[in-house]
Amino acid sequence: MSEPAYPAARVVAPRVYEHFVRHQGTLGDARPGSIAPVATIEAAIDAAFWASLRREERYTPRLSLALLALDEGVQPLVFEEPFRLTSTNLVRISPAVDRPGLHLAAWRVDGELSVWGTVRAIPTSCCVIEVVAPGLLVLKHRPNDRSGKFANVATLEGDEVKIVDERASALADDPELVASLLGFGAPMSWLDSVNVLVELAVSMRGHGRGGSLLIVPAGSDLWRESIVHPVSYAVRPTFAELADLARGRPDGWDPSAWEAALDRAVAMMAGLTAVDGATIMTDRYELLAFGAKIARRDGSRQVEHVVVTEPIEGAAAAIVRPGQLGGTRHLSAAQFVHDQRNALALVASQDGRFTVFAWSPGEHMVHAHRVETLLL
């Protein structure tokens, strides 16, 4: 028997289709692909949602489904016999594709929506449906040919639908990091400083322990006025592995080896944030300390309110007390940015929430950007 229709699929499918039509030809893809019709998107969401609620030998299915025509795949693995796109079939094959960067490919074959193979490289116009957890789906796409991080279009969790608000990237006070997560900034490569921050944010959220990363101007010691001394794990001289790799590929290095080294450096830096206290890094990616305790700078008033926004359609800005965003990490990060206005603070919560704190000259207060929806 087929499952009942998933109501959220009918709601979100036209919006996702409109997103791809609106951005067709503007994403810098050398191989623009076909845009999946509304009915195809809706049916694929339906199948993926019900698959997410089932089990395969006690394991929760995790998979990524790319809506892509067979002739648009690059070096695809093609099944001799395509199979119908159903929740049962998705659950059965999910163990084979539970790997980063690997997608099941689905399109209409002889009039029937079918899974025809697997792909790694996809065009930017390809709608990707990722099964993240039971009942939790993310609809996304590659923002450009050179970016590693996908840009989210919408998230579905049960009956809750969140559509990413593209207009949020146009706000003057938004950090470049937020605009890049939205996927509408300039094309990024690993050399792009913002892209390194994106990868750090994803890795911080990924370790699941929670943590804080403070990004301060290189060549300035003003940040020390907001830190309790002595620092438990101060670093001298500064540790510059990530900084050196982010400058570009060293002479004689194979590109894949360099990218792998950069991945490891990002993972190491993000891993330090799991230690109690804050990790401190310059805006050139030089490690200064970790396990640091934040204190209010002498002569500074305690931060009482912050403005909080989430780049989701229908989400209004709110002015709240920092403690309403979370625990000590959030309060201390807000205080640090209030006192060190050229700094940025990235805070990951154990429950998956992720907040970017930055000083807003326009609002003349700390702005807390809730971006976990963009990091799924």
Protein backbone atom coordinates (compact mmCIF):
# COMPACT_ATOMS: atom_id res chain seq x y z
CA MET A 1 0.00 0.00 0.00
CA SER A 2 1.20 3.51 -0.72
CA GLU A 3 1.56 6.02 2.10
CA PRO A 4 -0.85 8.96 2.42
CA ALA A 5 0.21 12.22 0.80
CA TYR A 6 2.62 14.36 2.84
CA PRO A 7 0.81 17.76 3.00
CA ALA A 8 4.02 19.82 3.33
CA ALA A 9 5.22 18.47 -0.03
CA ARG A 10 2.32 20.10 -1.84
CA VAL A 11 2.95 23.39 -0.01
CA VAL A 12 6.67 23.64 -0.65
CA ALA A 13 7.07 22.13 -4.13
CA PRO A 14 5.77 25.19 -6.07
CA ARG A 15 7.98 27.49 -4.00
CA VAL A 16 11.07 25.41 -4.69
CA TYR A 17 10.26 25.28 -8.39
CA GLU A 18 9.87 29.08 -8.46
CA HIS A 19 13.26 29.42 -6.76
CA PHE A 20 15.04 27.48 -9.50
CA VAL A 21 13.18 29.26 -12.30
CA ARG A 22 14.02 32.63 -10.77
CA HIS A 23 17.73 31.82 -10.62
CA GLN A 24 18.03 29.92 -13.89
CA GLY A 25 21.12 31.07 -15.74
CA THR A 26 22.32 33.30 -12.87
CA LEU A 27 24.27 30.80 -10.80
CA GLY A 28 27.37 30.61 -12.99
CA ASP A 29 27.03 26.95 -13.94
CA ALA A 30 28.95 25.87 -17.02
CA ARG A 31 26.48 22.97 -17.42
CA PRO A 32 22.98 24.29 -16.72
CA GLY A 33 20.58 21.40 -16.24
CA SER A 34 16.84 20.94 -16.50
CA ILE A 35 14.58 22.16 -13.71
CA ALA A 36 12.38 19.48 -12.17
CA PRO A 37 8.64 20.17 -12.60
CA VAL A 38 6.46 20.87 -9.56
CA ALA A 39 4.84 17.42 -9.70
CA THR A 40 8.25 15.73 -9.73
CA ILE A 41 9.50 17.75 -6.76
CA GLU A 42 6.32 17.02 -4.81
CA ALA A 43 6.46 13.27 -5.50
CA ALA A 44 10.15 13.09 -4.60
CA ILE A 45 9.59 14.94 -1.30
CA ASP A 46 6.71 12.59 -0.53
CA ALA A 47 8.82 9.47 -1.06
CA ALA A 48 11.83 10.88 0.83
CA PHE A 49 9.71 11.91 3.83
CA TRP A 50 8.09 8.52 4.30
CA ALA A 51 11.45 6.81 3.75
CA SER A 52 12.92 8.91 6.57
CA LEU A 53 10.40 7.45 9.02
CA ARG A 54 11.21 3.82 8.22
CA ARG A 55 14.08 1.57 9.25
CA GLU A 56 16.49 -0.66 7.36
CA GLU A 57 17.84 -3.33 9.74
CA ARG A 58 17.33 -0.93 12.68
CA TYR A 59 19.19 1.92 10.94
CA THR A 60 17.60 5.26 10.10
CA PRO A 61 17.90 5.91 6.36
CA ARG A 62 20.16 8.79 5.33
CA LEU A 63 20.41 9.71 1.69
CA SER A 64 20.60 12.51 -0.83
CA LEU A 65 18.26 12.49 -3.83
CA ALA A 66 19.16 14.59 -6.90
CA LEU A 67 16.42 15.35 -9.43
CA LEU A 68 18.48 15.01 -12.58
CA ALA A 69 17.95 13.70 -16.12
CA LEU A 70 20.15 10.78 -17.18
CA ASP A 71 21.87 12.68 -19.99
CA GLU A 72 22.83 15.49 -17.58
CA GLY A 73 24.84 13.34 -15.18
CA VAL A 74 28.65 13.55 -15.21
CA GLN A 75 30.26 10.08 -15.07
CA PRO A 76 27.14 8.60 -13.48
CA LEU A 77 26.72 5.09 -12.17
CA VAL A 78 23.71 3.90 -14.21
CA PHE A 79 21.45 1.02 -13.21
CA GLU A 80 20.59 -1.41 -15.98
CA GLU A 81 16.98 -1.30 -14.83
CA PRO A 82 15.75 1.93 -13.19
CA PHE A 83 13.39 1.38 -10.27
CA ARG A 84 10.33 3.34 -9.15
CA LEU A 85 10.88 6.19 -6.75
CA THR A 86 9.05 4.90 -3.67
CA SER A 87 9.82 5.11 0.04
CA THR A 88 10.34 1.34 0.20
CA ASN A 89 12.90 1.37 -2.60
CA LEU A 90 14.70 4.38 -1.10
CA VAL A 91 15.01 2.64 2.27
CA ARG A 92 16.42 -0.50 0.66
CA ILE A 93 19.15 1.30 -1.27
CA SER A 94 19.98 3.94 1.37
CA PRO A 95 22.98 2.04 2.87
CA ALA A 96 24.73 2.22 -0.51
CA VAL A 97 24.56 6.00 -0.72
CA ASP A 98 25.08 7.06 2.90
CA ARG A 99 28.29 8.92 1.99
CA PRO A 100 28.99 12.66 1.66
CA GLY A 101 28.82 13.92 -1.91
CA LEU A 102 27.00 10.87 -3.30
CA HIS A 103 23.45 11.29 -4.61
CA LEU A 104 20.77 8.98 -5.91
CA ALA A 105 19.61 10.37 -9.25
CA ALA A 106 15.91 10.40 -10.15
CA TRP A 107 13.93 11.59 -13.18
CA ARG A 108 11.01 10.43 -15.27
CA VAL A 109 11.92 7.34 -17.31
CA ASP A 110 9.28 6.21 -19.81
CA GLY A 111 6.79 8.48 -18.05
CA GLU A 112 7.42 7.08 -14.54
CA LEU A 113 9.44 8.84 -11.83
CA SER A 114 12.38 6.49 -11.30
CA VAL A 115 15.79 6.23 -9.70
CA TRP A 116 18.21 5.60 -12.58
CA GLY A 117 21.61 5.65 -10.85
CA THR A 118 24.00 7.63 -8.66
CA VAL A 119 26.01 10.81 -9.29
CA ARG A 120 28.60 12.97 -7.57
CA ALA A 121 28.75 16.04 -9.84
CA ILE A 122 25.47 17.89 -10.43
CA PRO A 123 24.48 21.20 -12.06
CA THR A 124 23.40 24.16 -9.94
CA SER A 125 19.83 23.93 -11.24
CA CYS A 126 19.50 20.42 -9.79
CA CYS A 127 17.14 20.20 -6.81
CA VAL A 128 18.62 17.99 -4.08
CA ILE A 129 16.46 16.47 -1.33
CA GLU A 130 18.48 15.29 1.65
CA VAL A 131 17.11 12.99 4.33
CA VAL A 132 18.83 14.32 7.46
CA ALA A 133 16.87 12.58 10.23
CA PRO A 134 13.45 10.98 10.76
CA GLY A 135 10.93 13.48 9.47
CA LEU A 136 13.60 16.08 8.62
CA LEU A 137 14.32 16.94 4.98
CA VAL A 138 16.45 19.70 3.47
CA LEU A 139 15.96 20.95 -0.09
CA LYS A 140 19.12 22.49 -1.48
CA HIS A 141 21.30 23.15 -4.52
CA ARG A 142 24.89 23.92 -5.39
CA PRO A 143 25.20 27.74 -5.40
CA ASN A 144 27.89 27.75 -8.11
CA ASP A 145 30.42 25.55 -9.89
CA ARG A 146 33.18 26.06 -7.32
CA SER A 147 31.42 25.92 -3.99
CA GLY A 148 31.58 22.87 -1.75
CA LYS A 149 28.75 23.93 0.60
CA PHE A 150 25.23 23.54 -0.75
CA ALA A 151 22.77 26.42 -0.38
CA ASN A 152 19.54 25.50 1.37
CA VAL A 153 16.21 26.45 -0.18
CA ALA A 154 13.83 25.00 2.42
CA THR A 155 13.65 22.63 5.37
CA LEU A 156 10.75 20.36 6.24
CA GLU A 157 10.34 18.87 9.69
CA GLY A 158 7.02 17.15 10.14
CA ASP A 159 4.40 19.78 9.41
CA GLU A 160 6.85 22.68 9.89
CA VAL A 161 8.03 24.28 6.65
CA LYS A 162 10.83 26.85 6.58
CA ILE A 163 11.58 28.68 3.34
CA VAL A 164 14.94 30.44 3.26
CA ASP A 165 14.50 34.19 2.76
CA GLU A 166 16.78 35.23 -0.10
CA ARG A 167 16.29 38.90 0.73
CA ALA A 168 18.20 38.46 3.98
CA SER A 169 21.46 38.44 2.01
CA ALA A 170 20.82 42.03 0.93
CA LEU A 171 20.81 43.48 4.45
CA ALA A 172 23.69 45.91 4.77
CA ASP A 173 24.67 44.82 8.28
CA ASP A 174 24.73 41.09 7.57
CA PRO A 175 28.20 39.51 7.82
CA GLU A 176 29.54 38.09 4.56
CA LEU A 177 29.39 34.67 6.17
CA VAL A 178 25.59 34.84 6.39
CA ALA A 179 25.24 36.01 2.79
CA SER A 180 27.48 33.17 1.63
CA LEU A 181 25.45 30.59 3.54
CA LEU A 182 22.38 31.89 1.75
CA GLY A 183 24.16 31.04 -1.49
CA PHE A 184 23.75 34.33 -3.34
CA GLY A 185 27.14 35.93 -2.78
CA ALA A 186 30.03 35.94 -5.22
CA PRO A 187 31.19 32.51 -6.44
CA MET A 188 33.39 30.92 -3.81
CA SER A 189 36.41 28.67 -3.97
CA TRP A 190 38.50 27.20 -1.20
CA LEU A 191 40.63 30.34 -1.49
CA ASP A 192 37.65 32.49 -0.56
CA SER A 193 38.00 33.52 3.08
CA VAL A 194 34.25 33.42 3.62
CA ASN A 195 34.10 29.85 2.37
CA VAL A 196 36.65 28.78 4.99
CA LEU A 197 34.38 30.28 7.66
CA VAL A 198 31.43 28.38 6.21
CA GLU A 199 33.36 25.12 6.46
CA LEU A 200 34.39 25.98 10.04
CA ALA A 201 30.75 26.64 10.96
CA VAL A 202 29.61 23.34 9.44
CA SER A 203 32.38 21.44 11.24
CA MET A 204 31.67 23.15 14.58
CA ARG A 205 28.03 22.21 14.37
CA GLY A 206 28.96 18.72 13.25
CA HIS A 207 30.91 17.68 16.37
CA GLY A 208 27.75 18.11 18.46
CA ARG A 209 29.45 19.24 21.68
CA GLY A 210 28.72 22.92 21.33
CA GLY A 211 31.43 25.57 21.21
CA SER A 212 32.45 29.17 20.57
CA LEU A 213 34.84 30.58 17.99
CA LEU A 214 35.92 34.22 18.29
CA ILE A 215 37.38 35.82 15.17
CA VAL A 216 39.48 38.91 15.92
CA PRO A 217 41.48 41.32 13.73
CA ALA A 218 45.02 40.13 12.98
CA GLY A 219 47.77 42.31 14.43
CA SER A 220 45.66 43.65 17.29
CA ASP A 221 45.76 42.66 20.97
CA LEU A 222 42.60 44.52 21.99
CA TRP A 223 40.77 41.19 22.31
CA ARG A 224 42.87 40.45 25.42
CA GLU A 225 40.90 43.12 27.30
CA SER A 226 37.83 40.86 27.09
CA ILE A 227 39.51 37.60 28.17
CA VAL A 228 40.26 36.27 31.66
CA HIS A 229 44.01 35.83 32.24
CA PRO A 230 45.89 33.60 32.36
CA VAL A 231 44.37 31.78 29.40
CA SER A 232 44.25 28.00 29.93
CA TYR A 233 45.48 27.11 26.44
CA ALA A 234 47.22 30.14 24.98
CA VAL A 235 49.26 29.47 21.83
CA ARG A 236 52.64 31.13 21.26
CA PRO A 237 53.75 31.53 18.56
CA THR A 238 50.43 31.53 16.77
CA PHE A 239 49.55 28.25 15.06
CA ALA A 240 49.28 29.03 11.35
CA GLU A 241 48.56 25.70 9.60
CA LEU A 242 45.10 26.76 8.46
CA ALA A 243 46.35 30.25 7.60
CA ASP A 244 49.17 28.85 5.44
CA LEU A 245 46.90 26.42 3.59
CA ALA A 246 44.19 29.03 3.03
CA ARG A 247 46.65 31.28 1.19
CA GLY A 248 46.74 28.85 -1.71
CA ARG A 249 48.13 25.55 -2.89
CA PRO A 250 51.85 25.22 -2.07
CA ASP A 251 54.22 24.62 -4.98
CA GLY A 252 54.45 20.97 -5.89
CA TRP A 253 51.27 19.96 -4.06
CA ASP A 254 48.63 17.90 -5.82
CA PRO A 255 45.29 19.78 -5.73
CA SER A 256 43.46 16.89 -4.06
CA ALA A 257 46.19 16.55 -1.40
CA TRP A 258 46.02 20.27 -0.68
CA GLU A 259 42.23 20.23 -0.34
CA ALA A 260 42.43 17.20 1.95
CA ALA A 261 45.00 19.00 4.12
CA LEU A 262 42.75 22.05 4.24
CA ASP A 263 39.81 19.88 5.29
CA ARG A 264 41.88 18.38 8.11
CA ALA A 265 43.03 21.82 9.27
CA VAL A 266 39.44 23.08 9.37
CA ALA A 267 38.34 19.98 11.31
CA MET A 268 41.17 20.44 13.82
CA MET A 269 40.33 24.11 14.41
CA ALA A 270 36.63 23.32 14.78
CA GLY A 271 37.47 20.47 17.14
CA LEU A 272 39.18 22.85 19.55
CA THR A 273 35.86 24.64 20.05
CA ALA A 274 34.55 21.53 21.85
CA VAL A 275 36.83 22.36 24.79
CA ASP A 276 35.15 24.39 27.54
CA GLY A 277 35.72 28.08 26.85
CA ALA A 278 36.18 29.94 23.57
CA THR A 279 38.62 29.33 20.73
CA ILE A 280 40.23 32.54 19.46
CA MET A 281 41.43 32.91 15.87
CA THR A 282 42.50 35.89 13.79
CA ASP A 283 40.71 36.85 10.60
CA ARG A 284 43.74 35.34 8.82
CA TYR A 285 43.02 31.93 10.47
CA GLU A 286 45.91 32.04 12.94
CA LEU A 287 45.10 30.23 16.18
CA LEU A 288 45.73 32.38 19.29
CA ALA A 289 44.14 30.37 22.09
CA PHE A 290 41.41 27.93 23.05
CA GLY A 291 39.59 27.20 26.30
CA ALA A 292 39.53 30.97 26.94
CA LYS A 293 37.07 32.54 29.37
CA ILE A 294 35.30 35.71 28.24
CA ALA A 295 34.96 38.66 30.63
CA ARG A 296 33.37 42.08 30.36
CA ARG A 297 35.96 44.67 29.38
CA ASP A 298 36.82 47.21 32.10
CA GLY A 299 34.57 50.24 31.80
CA SER A 300 32.09 48.53 29.47
CA ARG A 301 28.46 48.11 30.38
CA GLN A 302 26.85 44.71 30.42
CA VAL A 303 25.04 43.85 27.21
CA GLU A 304 21.34 43.79 28.01
CA HIS A 305 19.66 43.22 24.65
CA VAL A 306 20.50 41.91 21.20
CA VAL A 307 18.51 41.89 17.99
CA VAL A 308 17.96 38.37 16.70
CA THR A 309 16.95 37.36 13.19
CA GLU A 310 16.62 34.13 11.25
CA PRO A 311 16.80 34.20 7.42
CA ILE A 312 13.47 32.42 7.07
CA GLU A 313 10.39 33.80 5.33
CA GLY A 314 7.92 35.12 7.87
CA ALA A 315 10.48 35.34 10.69
CA ALA A 316 10.46 38.84 12.21
CA ALA A 317 13.40 40.48 13.96
CA ALA A 318 13.11 40.51 17.74
CA ILE A 319 14.98 42.29 20.51
CA VAL A 320 15.72 39.88 23.35
CA ARG A 321 18.03 39.41 26.31
CA PRO A 322 21.13 37.36 25.35
CA GLY A 323 20.19 34.67 27.88
CA GLN A 324 17.04 33.94 25.88
CA LEU A 325 19.20 32.65 23.01
CA GLY A 326 20.91 30.00 25.09
CA GLY A 327 23.26 29.60 28.03
CA THR A 328 26.59 31.04 29.08
CA ARG A 329 28.15 30.65 25.62
CA HIS A 330 25.58 32.95 24.03
CA LEU A 331 25.70 35.53 26.79
CA SER A 332 29.51 35.71 26.81
CA ALA A 333 29.71 35.80 22.99
CA ALA A 334 27.25 38.70 22.88
CA GLN A 335 29.30 40.54 25.51
CA PHE A 336 32.54 39.93 23.61
CA VAL A 337 31.15 41.33 20.35
CA HIS A 338 29.60 44.26 22.23
CA ASP A 339 33.04 45.13 23.63
CA GLN A 340 35.12 44.11 20.57
CA ARG A 341 33.07 45.53 17.70
CA ASN A 342 35.46 44.45 14.96
CA ALA A 343 35.15 40.83 16.08
CA LEU A 344 32.79 38.03 15.08
CA ALA A 345 31.57 35.22 17.34
CA LEU A 346 30.30 31.86 16.09
CA VAL A 347 28.40 29.82 18.67
CA ALA A 348 27.23 26.22 18.23
CA SER A 349 24.78 24.69 20.70
CA GLN A 350 24.64 21.02 21.59
CA ASP A 351 21.05 20.91 20.32
CA GLY A 352 22.16 21.96 16.82
CA ARG A 353 21.38 25.68 16.98
CA PHE A 354 24.02 27.95 15.49
CA THR A 355 24.33 31.70 16.01
CA VAL A 356 26.64 34.26 14.44
CA PHE A 357 27.10 37.36 16.61
CA ALA A 358 28.25 40.59 14.94
CA TRP A 359 28.07 44.26 15.80
CA SER A 360 25.44 46.12 13.79
CA PRO A 361 26.35 49.79 13.18
CA GLY A 362 22.89 50.45 11.78
CA GLU A 363 21.08 49.09 14.84
CA HIS A 364 23.89 50.12 17.20
CA MET A 365 23.69 46.86 19.05
CA VAL A 366 24.78 43.25 18.80
CA HIS A 367 23.00 41.32 16.07
CA ALA A 368 22.48 37.59 16.59
CA HIS A 369 22.01 35.75 13.27
CA ARG A 370 20.36 32.34 13.78
CA VAL A 371 21.67 30.26 10.86
CA GLU A 372 21.29 26.58 11.80
CA THR A 373 18.70 26.13 9.05
CA LEU A 374 21.38 27.10 6.53
CA LEU A 375 23.94 24.61 7.90
CA LEU A 376 21.86 21.41 7.71
